[in-house]
N, C-alpha and C. Protein backbone atom coordinates (compact mmCIF):
# COMPACT_ATOMS: atom_id res chain seq x y z
N UNK A 1 0.83 -1.19 0.00
CA UNK A 1 0.00 0.00 0.00
C UNK A 1 0.87 1.25 0.00
N UNK A 2 0.51 2.23 -0.85
CA UNK A 2 1.19 3.52 -0.93
C UNK A 2 2.71 3.39 -1.08
N UNK A 3 3.19 2.56 -2.01
CA UNK A 3 4.65 2.43 -2.17
C UNK A 3 5.26 3.69 -2.76
N UNK A 4 6.41 4.08 -2.26
CA UNK A 4 7.15 5.19 -2.83
C UNK A 4 8.07 4.69 -3.93
N UNK A 5 8.38 5.58 -4.88
CA UNK A 5 9.20 5.19 -6.03
C UNK A 5 10.56 4.66 -5.59
N UNK A 6 11.11 5.23 -4.54
CA UNK A 6 12.44 4.83 -4.08
C UNK A 6 12.46 3.45 -3.43
N UNK A 7 11.29 2.89 -3.15
CA UNK A 7 11.21 1.63 -2.41
C UNK A 7 10.77 0.43 -3.26
N UNK A 8 10.65 0.62 -4.57
CA UNK A 8 10.15 -0.47 -5.41
C UNK A 8 11.01 -1.72 -5.28
N UNK A 9 12.32 -1.58 -5.33
CA UNK A 9 13.21 -2.74 -5.21
C UNK A 9 13.06 -3.41 -3.85
N UNK A 10 12.86 -2.62 -2.80
CA UNK A 10 12.70 -3.18 -1.47
C UNK A 10 11.45 -4.05 -1.39
N UNK A 11 10.37 -3.63 -2.04
CA UNK A 11 9.14 -4.43 -2.06
C UNK A 11 9.37 -5.76 -2.77
N UNK A 12 9.99 -5.71 -3.94
CA UNK A 12 10.18 -6.94 -4.70
C UNK A 12 11.14 -7.89 -4.00
N UNK A 13 12.18 -7.34 -3.40
CA UNK A 13 13.15 -8.18 -2.69
C UNK A 13 12.53 -8.84 -1.45
N UNK A 14 11.71 -8.08 -0.74
CA UNK A 14 11.04 -8.64 0.45
C UNK A 14 10.09 -9.76 0.04
N UNK A 15 9.30 -9.53 -1.01
CA UNK A 15 8.36 -10.55 -1.47
C UNK A 15 9.10 -11.82 -1.90
N UNK A 16 10.20 -11.65 -2.62
CA UNK A 16 10.99 -12.79 -3.07
C UNK A 16 11.55 -13.57 -1.89
N UNK A 17 12.06 -12.85 -0.88
CA UNK A 17 12.64 -13.51 0.30
C UNK A 17 11.60 -14.30 1.07
N UNK A 18 10.36 -13.85 1.04
CA UNK A 18 9.28 -14.53 1.77
C UNK A 18 8.54 -15.55 0.91
N UNK A 19 8.92 -15.66 -0.36
CA UNK A 19 8.22 -16.58 -1.25
C UNK A 19 6.80 -16.14 -1.53
N UNK A 20 6.57 -14.84 -1.57
CA UNK A 20 5.23 -14.29 -1.74
C UNK A 20 5.08 -13.65 -3.11
N UNK A 21 3.86 -13.65 -3.60
CA UNK A 21 3.52 -12.98 -4.85
C UNK A 21 2.78 -11.69 -4.54
N UNK A 22 3.17 -10.59 -5.17
CA UNK A 22 2.45 -9.33 -5.03
C UNK A 22 1.32 -9.32 -6.04
N UNK A 23 0.10 -9.38 -5.55
CA UNK A 23 -1.07 -9.49 -6.42
C UNK A 23 -1.72 -8.14 -6.68
N UNK A 24 -1.75 -7.30 -5.66
CA UNK A 24 -2.34 -5.96 -5.78
C UNK A 24 -1.35 -4.92 -5.27
N UNK A 25 -1.22 -3.84 -6.02
CA UNK A 25 -0.50 -2.66 -5.56
C UNK A 25 -1.55 -1.55 -5.43
N UNK A 26 -1.66 -0.97 -4.24
CA UNK A 26 -2.76 -0.05 -3.97
C UNK A 26 -2.22 1.29 -3.47
N UNK A 27 -2.63 2.36 -4.13
CA UNK A 27 -2.44 3.69 -3.58
C UNK A 27 -3.76 4.13 -2.97
N UNK A 28 -3.73 4.55 -1.71
CA UNK A 28 -4.97 4.95 -1.06
C UNK A 28 -5.50 6.28 -1.60
N UNK A 29 -4.66 7.03 -2.30
CA UNK A 29 -5.07 8.28 -2.92
C UNK A 29 -3.93 8.76 -3.81
N UNK A 30 -4.18 9.80 -4.57
CA UNK A 30 -3.12 10.39 -5.40
C UNK A 30 -2.20 11.16 -4.45
N UNK A 31 -0.96 10.72 -4.38
CA UNK A 31 -0.02 11.26 -3.40
C UNK A 31 0.44 12.66 -3.80
N UNK A 32 0.51 13.55 -2.79
CA UNK A 32 0.95 14.92 -3.03
C UNK A 32 2.29 15.23 -2.38
N UNK A 33 2.83 14.27 -1.61
CA UNK A 33 4.05 14.57 -0.86
C UNK A 33 5.22 13.69 -1.25
N UNK A 34 5.02 12.77 -2.21
CA UNK A 34 6.13 11.95 -2.68
C UNK A 34 5.79 11.35 -4.03
N UNK A 35 6.79 10.82 -4.69
CA UNK A 35 6.58 10.13 -5.96
C UNK A 35 6.11 8.71 -5.68
N UNK A 36 4.96 8.37 -6.21
CA UNK A 36 4.44 7.02 -6.02
C UNK A 36 5.23 6.00 -6.85
N UNK A 37 5.46 4.85 -6.26
CA UNK A 37 6.06 3.74 -6.99
C UNK A 37 5.03 2.73 -7.43
N UNK A 38 3.74 3.08 -7.29
CA UNK A 38 2.68 2.12 -7.55
C UNK A 38 2.67 1.57 -8.96
N UNK A 39 2.71 2.44 -9.94
CA UNK A 39 2.65 1.99 -11.33
C UNK A 39 3.87 1.13 -11.66
N UNK A 40 5.04 1.57 -11.26
CA UNK A 40 6.27 0.82 -11.55
C UNK A 40 6.27 -0.52 -10.86
N UNK A 41 5.87 -0.57 -9.59
CA UNK A 41 5.83 -1.83 -8.85
C UNK A 41 4.87 -2.81 -9.50
N UNK A 42 3.73 -2.32 -9.95
CA UNK A 42 2.77 -3.19 -10.63
C UNK A 42 3.35 -3.72 -11.94
N UNK A 43 4.09 -2.87 -12.65
CA UNK A 43 4.68 -3.30 -13.91
C UNK A 43 5.70 -4.41 -13.71
N UNK A 44 6.56 -4.27 -12.71
CA UNK A 44 7.65 -5.26 -12.55
C UNK A 44 7.16 -6.55 -11.90
N UNK A 45 6.01 -6.52 -11.24
CA UNK A 45 5.50 -7.72 -10.57
C UNK A 45 4.32 -8.36 -11.29
N UNK A 46 3.72 -7.65 -12.25
CA UNK A 46 2.53 -8.16 -12.92
C UNK A 46 1.28 -8.02 -12.08
N UNK A 47 1.35 -7.22 -11.01
CA UNK A 47 0.21 -7.04 -10.13
C UNK A 47 -0.78 -6.04 -10.73
N UNK A 48 -2.00 -6.03 -10.18
CA UNK A 48 -2.97 -5.01 -10.52
C UNK A 48 -2.65 -3.74 -9.74
N UNK A 49 -2.65 -2.59 -10.42
CA UNK A 49 -2.47 -1.32 -9.73
C UNK A 49 -3.86 -0.74 -9.48
N UNK A 50 -4.17 -0.54 -8.20
CA UNK A 50 -5.53 -0.19 -7.80
C UNK A 50 -5.63 1.22 -7.24
N UNK A 51 -6.65 1.91 -7.68
CA UNK A 51 -7.06 3.20 -7.13
C UNK A 51 -8.58 3.19 -7.04
N UNK A 52 -9.14 4.10 -6.23
CA UNK A 52 -10.59 4.23 -6.25
C UNK A 52 -11.06 4.66 -7.63
N UNK A 53 -12.24 4.24 -7.99
CA UNK A 53 -12.76 4.49 -9.33
C UNK A 53 -12.82 5.98 -9.68
N UNK A 54 -12.86 6.85 -8.68
CA UNK A 54 -12.98 8.29 -8.94
C UNK A 54 -11.64 8.97 -9.15
N UNK A 55 -10.54 8.23 -9.09
CA UNK A 55 -9.21 8.83 -9.19
C UNK A 55 -9.03 9.55 -10.53
N UNK A 56 -8.53 10.77 -10.47
CA UNK A 56 -8.33 11.60 -11.66
C UNK A 56 -6.91 11.41 -12.17
N UNK A 57 -6.72 10.37 -12.98
CA UNK A 57 -5.41 10.07 -13.55
C UNK A 57 -5.57 9.84 -15.05
N UNK A 58 -4.43 9.87 -15.76
CA UNK A 58 -4.48 9.79 -17.22
C UNK A 58 -3.96 8.45 -17.74
N UNK A 59 -4.02 7.41 -16.91
CA UNK A 59 -3.56 6.08 -17.33
C UNK A 59 -4.55 5.04 -16.84
N UNK A 60 -4.43 3.85 -17.38
CA UNK A 60 -5.34 2.75 -17.00
C UNK A 60 -4.94 2.20 -15.63
N UNK A 61 -5.93 1.84 -14.85
CA UNK A 61 -5.70 1.23 -13.54
C UNK A 61 -6.87 0.32 -13.21
N UNK A 62 -6.71 -0.50 -12.20
CA UNK A 62 -7.79 -1.34 -11.72
C UNK A 62 -8.63 -0.54 -10.74
N UNK A 63 -9.87 -0.25 -11.12
CA UNK A 63 -10.74 0.59 -10.30
C UNK A 63 -11.37 -0.24 -9.19
N UNK A 64 -11.27 0.27 -7.96
CA UNK A 64 -11.95 -0.37 -6.84
C UNK A 64 -13.06 0.56 -6.35
N UNK A 65 -14.07 -0.03 -5.77
CA UNK A 65 -15.25 0.71 -5.33
C UNK A 65 -15.49 0.48 -3.84
N UNK A 66 -16.35 1.28 -3.27
CA UNK A 66 -16.69 1.14 -1.85
C UNK A 66 -17.24 -0.27 -1.58
N UNK A 67 -16.71 -0.91 -0.55
CA UNK A 67 -17.09 -2.27 -0.13
C UNK A 67 -16.63 -3.36 -1.09
N UNK A 68 -15.70 -3.02 -1.98
CA UNK A 68 -15.10 -4.03 -2.84
C UNK A 68 -14.23 -4.97 -2.01
N UNK A 69 -14.38 -6.27 -2.21
CA UNK A 69 -13.59 -7.26 -1.48
C UNK A 69 -12.46 -7.78 -2.37
N UNK A 70 -11.26 -7.81 -1.81
CA UNK A 70 -10.09 -8.37 -2.49
C UNK A 70 -9.66 -9.62 -1.74
N UNK A 71 -9.58 -10.74 -2.43
CA UNK A 71 -9.26 -12.01 -1.79
C UNK A 71 -7.78 -12.32 -1.96
N UNK A 72 -7.09 -12.57 -0.84
CA UNK A 72 -5.68 -12.92 -0.87
C UNK A 72 -5.45 -14.21 -0.09
N UNK A 73 -6.26 -15.19 -0.33
CA UNK A 73 -6.12 -16.46 0.37
C UNK A 73 -6.59 -16.36 1.80
N UNK A 74 -5.65 -16.45 2.75
CA UNK A 74 -6.01 -16.36 4.16
C UNK A 74 -6.36 -14.93 4.59
N UNK A 75 -6.08 -13.97 3.74
CA UNK A 75 -6.34 -12.58 4.06
C UNK A 75 -7.42 -12.02 3.14
N UNK A 76 -8.37 -11.32 3.74
CA UNK A 76 -9.41 -10.65 2.97
C UNK A 76 -9.31 -9.16 3.22
N UNK A 77 -9.43 -8.38 2.17
CA UNK A 77 -9.37 -6.92 2.27
C UNK A 77 -10.67 -6.34 1.74
N UNK A 78 -11.28 -5.48 2.54
CA UNK A 78 -12.46 -4.75 2.08
C UNK A 78 -12.07 -3.29 1.88
N UNK A 79 -12.34 -2.79 0.69
CA UNK A 79 -12.05 -1.39 0.36
C UNK A 79 -13.19 -0.51 0.90
N UNK A 80 -12.82 0.53 1.64
CA UNK A 80 -13.79 1.52 2.10
C UNK A 80 -13.45 2.86 1.44
N UNK A 81 -14.41 3.43 0.76
CA UNK A 81 -14.19 4.77 0.19
C UNK A 81 -14.29 5.77 1.33
N UNK A 82 -13.20 6.48 1.62
CA UNK A 82 -13.14 7.38 2.78
C UNK A 82 -12.67 8.77 2.34
N UNK A 83 -13.47 9.47 1.56
CA UNK A 83 -13.05 10.77 1.03
C UNK A 83 -12.95 11.83 2.12
N UNK A 84 -12.17 12.86 1.82
CA UNK A 84 -11.98 13.98 2.75
C UNK A 84 -10.58 14.54 2.63
N UNK A 85 -9.58 13.70 2.87
CA UNK A 85 -8.21 14.14 2.61
C UNK A 85 -8.06 14.43 1.13
N UNK A 86 -8.56 13.52 0.31
CA UNK A 86 -8.75 13.73 -1.13
C UNK A 86 -10.07 13.06 -1.51
N UNK A 87 -10.65 13.42 -2.66
CA UNK A 87 -11.94 12.82 -3.03
C UNK A 87 -11.87 11.31 -3.26
N UNK A 88 -10.71 10.82 -3.71
CA UNK A 88 -10.59 9.40 -4.06
C UNK A 88 -10.01 8.55 -2.93
N UNK A 89 -9.80 9.11 -1.75
CA UNK A 89 -9.15 8.37 -0.67
C UNK A 89 -9.91 7.10 -0.29
N UNK A 90 -9.16 6.06 -0.02
CA UNK A 90 -9.73 4.81 0.47
C UNK A 90 -8.97 4.34 1.70
N UNK A 91 -9.62 3.50 2.49
CA UNK A 91 -8.99 2.78 3.59
C UNK A 91 -9.22 1.29 3.35
N UNK A 92 -8.38 0.46 3.95
CA UNK A 92 -8.43 -0.98 3.70
C UNK A 92 -8.68 -1.72 5.00
N UNK A 93 -9.81 -2.40 5.08
CA UNK A 93 -10.20 -3.18 6.26
C UNK A 93 -9.73 -4.61 6.05
N UNK A 94 -8.84 -5.08 6.93
CA UNK A 94 -8.14 -6.34 6.72
C UNK A 94 -8.59 -7.39 7.73
N UNK A 95 -8.90 -8.57 7.22
CA UNK A 95 -9.28 -9.72 8.04
C UNK A 95 -8.32 -10.87 7.77
N UNK A 96 -7.78 -11.45 8.83
CA UNK A 96 -6.98 -12.67 8.73
C UNK A 96 -7.91 -13.83 9.04
N UNK A 97 -8.28 -14.58 8.01
CA UNK A 97 -9.27 -15.64 8.18
C UNK A 97 -8.78 -16.78 9.04
N UNK A 98 -7.46 -16.88 9.27
CA UNK A 98 -6.97 -17.93 10.17
C UNK A 98 -7.21 -17.56 11.63
N UNK A 99 -7.43 -16.26 11.92
CA UNK A 99 -7.74 -15.78 13.27
C UNK A 99 -9.22 -15.82 13.56
N UNK A 100 -10.03 -15.61 12.55
CA UNK A 100 -11.47 -15.56 12.74
C UNK A 100 -12.11 -14.67 11.69
N UNK A 101 -13.43 -14.56 11.72
CA UNK A 101 -14.15 -13.82 10.68
C UNK A 101 -14.20 -12.31 10.90
N UNK A 102 -13.81 -11.83 12.08
CA UNK A 102 -13.90 -10.40 12.37
C UNK A 102 -12.67 -9.66 11.82
N UNK A 103 -12.83 -8.43 11.36
CA UNK A 103 -11.68 -7.67 10.86
C UNK A 103 -10.66 -7.43 11.96
N UNK A 104 -9.39 -7.41 11.57
CA UNK A 104 -8.28 -7.31 12.52
C UNK A 104 -7.76 -5.87 12.59
N UNK A 105 -7.52 -5.27 11.42
CA UNK A 105 -6.97 -3.91 11.43
C UNK A 105 -7.43 -3.13 10.21
N UNK A 106 -7.22 -1.81 10.30
CA UNK A 106 -7.62 -0.90 9.24
C UNK A 106 -6.41 -0.08 8.81
N UNK A 107 -6.09 -0.13 7.53
CA UNK A 107 -5.06 0.71 6.93
C UNK A 107 -5.74 2.00 6.49
N UNK A 108 -5.47 3.07 7.21
CA UNK A 108 -6.26 4.29 7.03
C UNK A 108 -5.66 5.29 6.06
N UNK A 109 -4.50 4.99 5.48
CA UNK A 109 -3.90 5.94 4.55
C UNK A 109 -3.69 7.29 5.21
N UNK A 110 -4.21 8.36 4.60
CA UNK A 110 -4.08 9.71 5.16
C UNK A 110 -5.42 10.22 5.70
N UNK A 111 -6.33 9.30 6.00
CA UNK A 111 -7.64 9.70 6.52
C UNK A 111 -7.61 9.89 8.03
N UNK A 112 -7.11 8.89 8.75
CA UNK A 112 -7.03 8.94 10.21
C UNK A 112 -5.62 8.59 10.64
N UNK A 113 -5.01 9.48 11.43
CA UNK A 113 -3.69 9.24 12.00
C UNK A 113 -3.82 8.97 13.49
N UNK A 114 -2.71 8.61 14.11
CA UNK A 114 -2.69 8.51 15.56
C UNK A 114 -2.66 9.93 16.13
N UNK A 115 -3.73 10.32 16.78
CA UNK A 115 -3.80 11.64 17.39
C UNK A 115 -4.21 12.76 16.46
N UNK A 116 -4.52 12.47 15.21
CA UNK A 116 -4.86 13.53 14.25
C UNK A 116 -5.65 12.92 13.09
N UNK A 117 -6.02 13.76 12.15
CA UNK A 117 -6.68 13.31 10.92
C UNK A 117 -6.00 13.99 9.74
N UNK A 118 -6.28 13.49 8.55
CA UNK A 118 -5.65 14.04 7.36
C UNK A 118 -6.11 15.46 7.06
N UNK A 119 -5.22 16.26 6.52
CA UNK A 119 -5.56 17.63 6.14
C UNK A 119 -6.43 17.62 4.89
N UNK A 120 -7.43 18.49 4.81
CA UNK A 120 -8.34 18.47 3.67
C UNK A 120 -8.05 19.50 2.59
N UNK A 121 -6.96 20.25 2.73
CA UNK A 121 -6.77 21.41 1.87
C UNK A 121 -5.92 21.15 0.63
N UNK A 122 -5.28 19.99 0.54
CA UNK A 122 -4.33 19.79 -0.56
C UNK A 122 -4.98 19.80 -1.93
N UNK A 123 -6.17 19.18 -2.11
CA UNK A 123 -6.77 19.25 -3.45
C UNK A 123 -7.48 20.58 -3.73
N UNK A 124 -7.57 21.47 -2.73
CA UNK A 124 -8.38 22.67 -2.84
C UNK A 124 -9.75 22.43 -2.24
N UNK A 125 -10.61 23.46 -2.23
CA UNK A 125 -11.95 23.35 -1.65
C UNK A 125 -11.89 22.79 -0.23
N UNK A 126 -11.08 23.44 0.61
CA UNK A 126 -10.79 22.90 1.93
C UNK A 126 -12.04 22.73 2.78
N UNK A 127 -12.95 23.69 2.75
CA UNK A 127 -14.15 23.60 3.60
C UNK A 127 -15.03 22.44 3.17
N UNK A 128 -15.24 22.30 1.87
CA UNK A 128 -16.04 21.17 1.36
C UNK A 128 -15.38 19.84 1.70
N UNK A 129 -14.07 19.77 1.53
CA UNK A 129 -13.34 18.53 1.83
C UNK A 129 -13.38 18.22 3.32
N UNK A 130 -13.29 19.26 4.18
CA UNK A 130 -13.35 19.05 5.62
C UNK A 130 -14.71 18.48 6.03
N UNK A 131 -15.77 19.00 5.41
CA UNK A 131 -17.11 18.48 5.69
C UNK A 131 -17.22 17.02 5.26
N UNK A 132 -16.62 16.71 4.13
CA UNK A 132 -16.62 15.34 3.64
C UNK A 132 -15.82 14.43 4.57
N UNK A 133 -14.68 14.93 5.06
CA UNK A 133 -13.86 14.15 5.99
C UNK A 133 -14.61 13.89 7.29
N UNK A 134 -15.32 14.88 7.80
CA UNK A 134 -16.11 14.69 9.02
C UNK A 134 -17.14 13.58 8.82
N UNK A 135 -17.82 13.60 7.70
CA UNK A 135 -18.82 12.57 7.40
C UNK A 135 -18.17 11.19 7.30
N UNK A 136 -17.03 11.13 6.64
CA UNK A 136 -16.29 9.86 6.53
C UNK A 136 -15.93 9.30 7.90
N UNK A 137 -15.36 10.15 8.74
CA UNK A 137 -14.94 9.69 10.06
C UNK A 137 -16.12 9.23 10.90
N UNK A 138 -17.17 10.02 10.91
CA UNK A 138 -18.31 9.71 11.77
C UNK A 138 -19.13 8.51 11.28
N UNK A 139 -19.24 8.36 9.97
CA UNK A 139 -20.14 7.34 9.43
C UNK A 139 -19.43 6.09 8.91
N UNK A 140 -18.16 6.22 8.54
CA UNK A 140 -17.47 5.06 7.96
C UNK A 140 -16.40 4.48 8.88
N UNK A 141 -15.72 5.33 9.64
CA UNK A 141 -14.59 4.87 10.46
C UNK A 141 -15.02 4.60 11.90
N UNK A 142 -15.65 5.55 12.54
CA UNK A 142 -15.96 5.43 13.97
C UNK A 142 -17.08 4.43 14.26
N UNK A 143 -17.75 3.95 13.23
CA UNK A 143 -18.77 2.92 13.41
C UNK A 143 -18.19 1.51 13.37
N UNK A 144 -16.90 1.39 13.09
CA UNK A 144 -16.23 0.08 13.05
C UNK A 144 -15.95 -0.38 14.48
N UNK A 145 -15.61 -1.67 14.69
CA UNK A 145 -15.39 -2.19 16.04
C UNK A 145 -14.27 -1.47 16.78
N UNK A 146 -14.48 -1.20 18.06
CA UNK A 146 -13.51 -0.47 18.87
C UNK A 146 -12.15 -1.16 18.95
N UNK A 147 -12.16 -2.48 18.91
CA UNK A 147 -10.91 -3.24 19.07
C UNK A 147 -10.03 -3.21 17.82
N UNK A 148 -10.53 -2.63 16.76
CA UNK A 148 -9.79 -2.60 15.50
C UNK A 148 -8.47 -1.86 15.65
N UNK A 149 -7.38 -2.47 15.17
CA UNK A 149 -6.09 -1.79 15.15
C UNK A 149 -6.04 -0.82 13.96
N UNK A 150 -5.36 0.29 14.16
CA UNK A 150 -5.29 1.35 13.16
C UNK A 150 -3.84 1.53 12.73
N UNK A 151 -3.61 1.45 11.41
CA UNK A 151 -2.27 1.67 10.86
C UNK A 151 -2.36 2.76 9.79
N UNK A 152 -1.97 3.99 10.13
CA UNK A 152 -2.03 5.09 9.16
C UNK A 152 -0.84 5.11 8.22
N UNK A 153 -0.92 5.98 7.21
CA UNK A 153 0.15 6.09 6.23
C UNK A 153 1.31 6.93 6.70
N UNK A 154 1.13 7.72 7.77
CA UNK A 154 2.18 8.60 8.26
C UNK A 154 2.14 8.68 9.78
N UNK A 155 3.22 9.17 10.36
CA UNK A 155 3.21 9.57 11.76
C UNK A 155 3.95 10.89 11.86
N UNK A 156 4.27 11.32 13.09
CA UNK A 156 4.84 12.65 13.32
C UNK A 156 6.00 12.95 12.37
N UNK A 157 5.99 14.16 11.81
CA UNK A 157 7.01 14.58 10.86
C UNK A 157 6.47 14.75 9.47
N UNK A 158 5.32 14.15 9.18
CA UNK A 158 4.70 14.29 7.87
C UNK A 158 3.95 15.61 7.78
N UNK A 159 3.87 16.16 6.57
CA UNK A 159 3.11 17.38 6.35
C UNK A 159 1.67 17.09 5.91
N UNK A 160 1.27 15.82 5.95
CA UNK A 160 -0.08 15.44 5.50
C UNK A 160 -1.13 15.62 6.59
N UNK A 161 -0.71 16.06 7.76
CA UNK A 161 -1.63 16.33 8.85
C UNK A 161 -0.91 17.11 9.92
N UNK A 162 -1.67 17.67 10.86
CA UNK A 162 -1.07 18.46 11.94
C UNK A 162 -1.36 17.79 13.27
N UNK A 163 -0.34 17.72 14.13
CA UNK A 163 -0.54 17.22 15.49
C UNK A 163 -0.50 15.72 15.63
N UNK A 164 -0.04 15.01 14.60
CA UNK A 164 -0.04 13.55 14.68
C UNK A 164 1.07 13.05 15.61
N UNK A 165 0.82 11.89 16.21
CA UNK A 165 1.74 11.29 17.15
C UNK A 165 2.92 10.64 16.42
N UNK A 166 3.99 10.42 17.15
CA UNK A 166 5.11 9.66 16.61
C UNK A 166 4.86 8.17 16.66
N UNK A 167 3.76 7.76 17.29
CA UNK A 167 3.40 6.34 17.38
C UNK A 167 2.85 5.88 16.03
N UNK A 168 3.26 4.72 15.60
CA UNK A 168 2.93 4.27 14.24
C UNK A 168 1.58 3.58 14.14
N UNK A 169 0.98 3.20 15.27
CA UNK A 169 -0.29 2.49 15.22
C UNK A 169 -1.10 2.81 16.47
N UNK A 170 -2.37 2.42 16.43
CA UNK A 170 -3.26 2.69 17.55
C UNK A 170 -4.42 1.71 17.47
N UNK A 171 -5.45 1.95 18.25
CA UNK A 171 -6.71 1.23 18.13
C UNK A 171 -7.82 2.25 17.95
N UNK A 172 -8.93 1.81 17.41
CA UNK A 172 -10.03 2.74 17.21
C UNK A 172 -10.54 3.26 18.55
N UNK A 173 -10.59 2.39 19.56
CA UNK A 173 -11.06 2.82 20.88
C UNK A 173 -10.16 3.91 21.46
N UNK A 174 -8.84 3.75 21.31
CA UNK A 174 -7.91 4.76 21.83
C UNK A 174 -8.11 6.09 21.12
N UNK A 175 -8.28 6.04 19.80
CA UNK A 175 -8.47 7.29 19.05
C UNK A 175 -9.79 7.96 19.42
N UNK A 176 -10.83 7.19 19.64
CA UNK A 176 -12.10 7.77 20.08
C UNK A 176 -11.93 8.52 21.39
N UNK A 177 -11.08 7.98 22.25
CA UNK A 177 -10.91 8.57 23.59
C UNK A 177 -9.95 9.76 23.57
N UNK A 178 -8.90 9.71 22.77
CA UNK A 178 -7.82 10.67 22.90
C UNK A 178 -7.57 11.55 21.68
N UNK A 179 -8.09 11.20 20.53
CA UNK A 179 -7.83 12.01 19.33
C UNK A 179 -8.70 13.26 19.38
N UNK A 180 -8.09 14.45 19.50
CA UNK A 180 -8.90 15.67 19.70
C UNK A 180 -9.80 16.01 18.53
N UNK A 181 -9.46 15.57 17.33
CA UNK A 181 -10.29 15.89 16.17
C UNK A 181 -11.58 15.10 16.15
N UNK A 182 -11.63 13.99 16.86
CA UNK A 182 -12.79 13.10 16.78
C UNK A 182 -13.89 13.45 17.76
N UNK A 183 -13.64 14.40 18.66
CA UNK A 183 -14.66 14.76 19.64
C UNK A 183 -15.35 16.07 19.28
N UNK A 184 -14.99 16.66 18.17
CA UNK A 184 -15.57 17.93 17.75
C UNK A 184 -16.89 17.72 17.02
N UNK A 185 -17.80 18.70 17.15
CA UNK A 185 -18.99 18.64 16.31
C UNK A 185 -18.62 19.10 14.91
N UNK A 186 -19.56 19.03 14.01
CA UNK A 186 -19.26 19.27 12.60
C UNK A 186 -18.71 20.67 12.36
N UNK A 187 -19.35 21.68 12.93
CA UNK A 187 -18.91 23.05 12.69
C UNK A 187 -17.52 23.29 13.26
N UNK A 188 -17.26 22.79 14.46
CA UNK A 188 -15.94 22.98 15.09
C UNK A 188 -14.87 22.21 14.33
N UNK A 189 -15.23 21.04 13.82
CA UNK A 189 -14.28 20.24 13.05
C UNK A 189 -13.86 20.98 11.78
N UNK A 190 -14.85 21.50 11.05
CA UNK A 190 -14.55 22.22 9.81
C UNK A 190 -13.69 23.44 10.09
N UNK A 191 -14.01 24.17 11.16
CA UNK A 191 -13.22 25.34 11.53
C UNK A 191 -11.78 24.96 11.84
N UNK A 192 -11.61 23.91 12.62
CA UNK A 192 -10.26 23.47 13.01
C UNK A 192 -9.47 23.01 11.80
N UNK A 193 -10.11 22.28 10.90
CA UNK A 193 -9.40 21.69 9.78
C UNK A 193 -9.08 22.68 8.67
N UNK A 194 -9.72 23.84 8.68
CA UNK A 194 -9.48 24.82 7.62
C UNK A 194 -8.69 26.03 8.11
N UNK A 195 -8.20 25.97 9.34
CA UNK A 195 -7.40 27.07 9.86
C UNK A 195 -6.11 26.51 10.46
N UNK A 196 -5.04 27.23 10.29
CA UNK A 196 -3.78 26.83 10.89
C UNK A 196 -3.15 25.59 10.30
N UNK A 197 -3.45 25.28 9.03
CA UNK A 197 -2.84 24.11 8.41
C UNK A 197 -1.36 24.37 8.11
N UNK A 198 -0.54 23.34 8.18
CA UNK A 198 0.89 23.53 7.89
C UNK A 198 1.11 23.85 6.41
N UNK A 199 2.29 24.33 6.05
CA UNK A 199 2.59 24.61 4.65
C UNK A 199 2.39 23.36 3.78
N UNK A 200 2.03 23.58 2.54
CA UNK A 200 1.87 22.45 1.63
C UNK A 200 3.23 21.82 1.33
N UNK A 201 3.22 20.52 0.98
CA UNK A 201 4.50 19.85 0.71
C UNK A 201 5.31 20.57 -0.38
N UNK A 202 6.61 20.56 -0.19
CA UNK A 202 7.49 21.09 -1.24
C UNK A 202 7.31 20.26 -2.51
N UNK A 203 7.35 20.92 -3.66
CA UNK A 203 7.22 20.24 -4.96
C UNK A 203 5.88 19.52 -5.12
N UNK A 204 4.82 20.01 -4.47
CA UNK A 204 3.53 19.35 -4.56
C UNK A 204 3.04 19.23 -6.00
N UNK A 205 3.23 20.26 -6.81
CA UNK A 205 2.75 20.21 -8.19
C UNK A 205 3.53 19.18 -9.01
N UNK A 206 4.83 19.05 -8.72
CA UNK A 206 5.64 18.04 -9.39
C UNK A 206 5.14 16.64 -9.04
N UNK A 207 4.90 16.41 -7.76
CA UNK A 207 4.44 15.09 -7.31
C UNK A 207 3.07 14.77 -7.90
N UNK A 208 2.15 15.73 -7.84
CA UNK A 208 0.80 15.47 -8.34
C UNK A 208 0.81 15.20 -9.83
N UNK A 209 1.58 15.98 -10.59
CA UNK A 209 1.65 15.75 -12.04
C UNK A 209 2.20 14.36 -12.34
N UNK A 210 3.29 13.99 -11.68
CA UNK A 210 3.90 12.69 -11.93
C UNK A 210 2.96 11.55 -11.55
N UNK A 211 2.29 11.68 -10.41
CA UNK A 211 1.44 10.59 -9.94
C UNK A 211 0.13 10.50 -10.69
N UNK A 212 -0.31 11.59 -11.30
CA UNK A 212 -1.53 11.56 -12.10
C UNK A 212 -1.26 11.06 -13.51
N UNK A 213 -0.02 11.15 -13.96
CA UNK A 213 0.31 10.68 -15.30
C UNK A 213 0.97 9.29 -15.27
N UNK A 214 1.36 8.84 -14.07
CA UNK A 214 2.00 7.53 -13.95
C UNK A 214 3.44 7.53 -14.39
N UNK A 215 4.06 8.70 -14.42
CA UNK A 215 5.45 8.80 -14.86
C UNK A 215 6.28 9.50 -13.77
N UNK A 216 6.59 8.79 -12.69
CA UNK A 216 7.30 9.44 -11.59
C UNK A 216 8.77 9.67 -11.83
N UNK A 217 9.36 9.05 -12.85
CA UNK A 217 10.81 9.20 -13.03
C UNK A 217 11.13 10.57 -13.63
């Protein structure tokens, strides 16, 4: 998920060492802070490169939709469309069928971080995107089981959100209790998310152009 261009060889080498096949390469959204390695990784492995069906790109990809199930043998992945950080953002609900039928963890991309949420201003229309993010969090994320483990795409140091923890993972119950963005009402959430945002990533236009055309080199 969300492979960077500089890490393509690391992905293939790890899969080879483990005797694993890479079947799906998934970007949770069009990245604005780095060059995606998704298209290249899919090319060298023969995997499907997946984005949400609404992704605004100029190349062919495998479109996934809300509640789309991806079967990986003992692992099942359900795609959740979670717009707000970007319109095409998705999260991945993962179940290990050898453990049981209940989902184990959620890969939240840039939607929900430990102690923070994704910034809504990068695609523009920050207020509209913030309202969309609030709806996503309240109706799609916070309704999931409390015991669910949360693995976001970033932690402290990233410019994709403000106030995120240096901790790389959490649980939904912990975030409900301690994440300050999740206890706000809609109006307060939109106000908070549209004011005091950090500077946009350096070279954002370069990254967006490369990732929308599939030519990161």
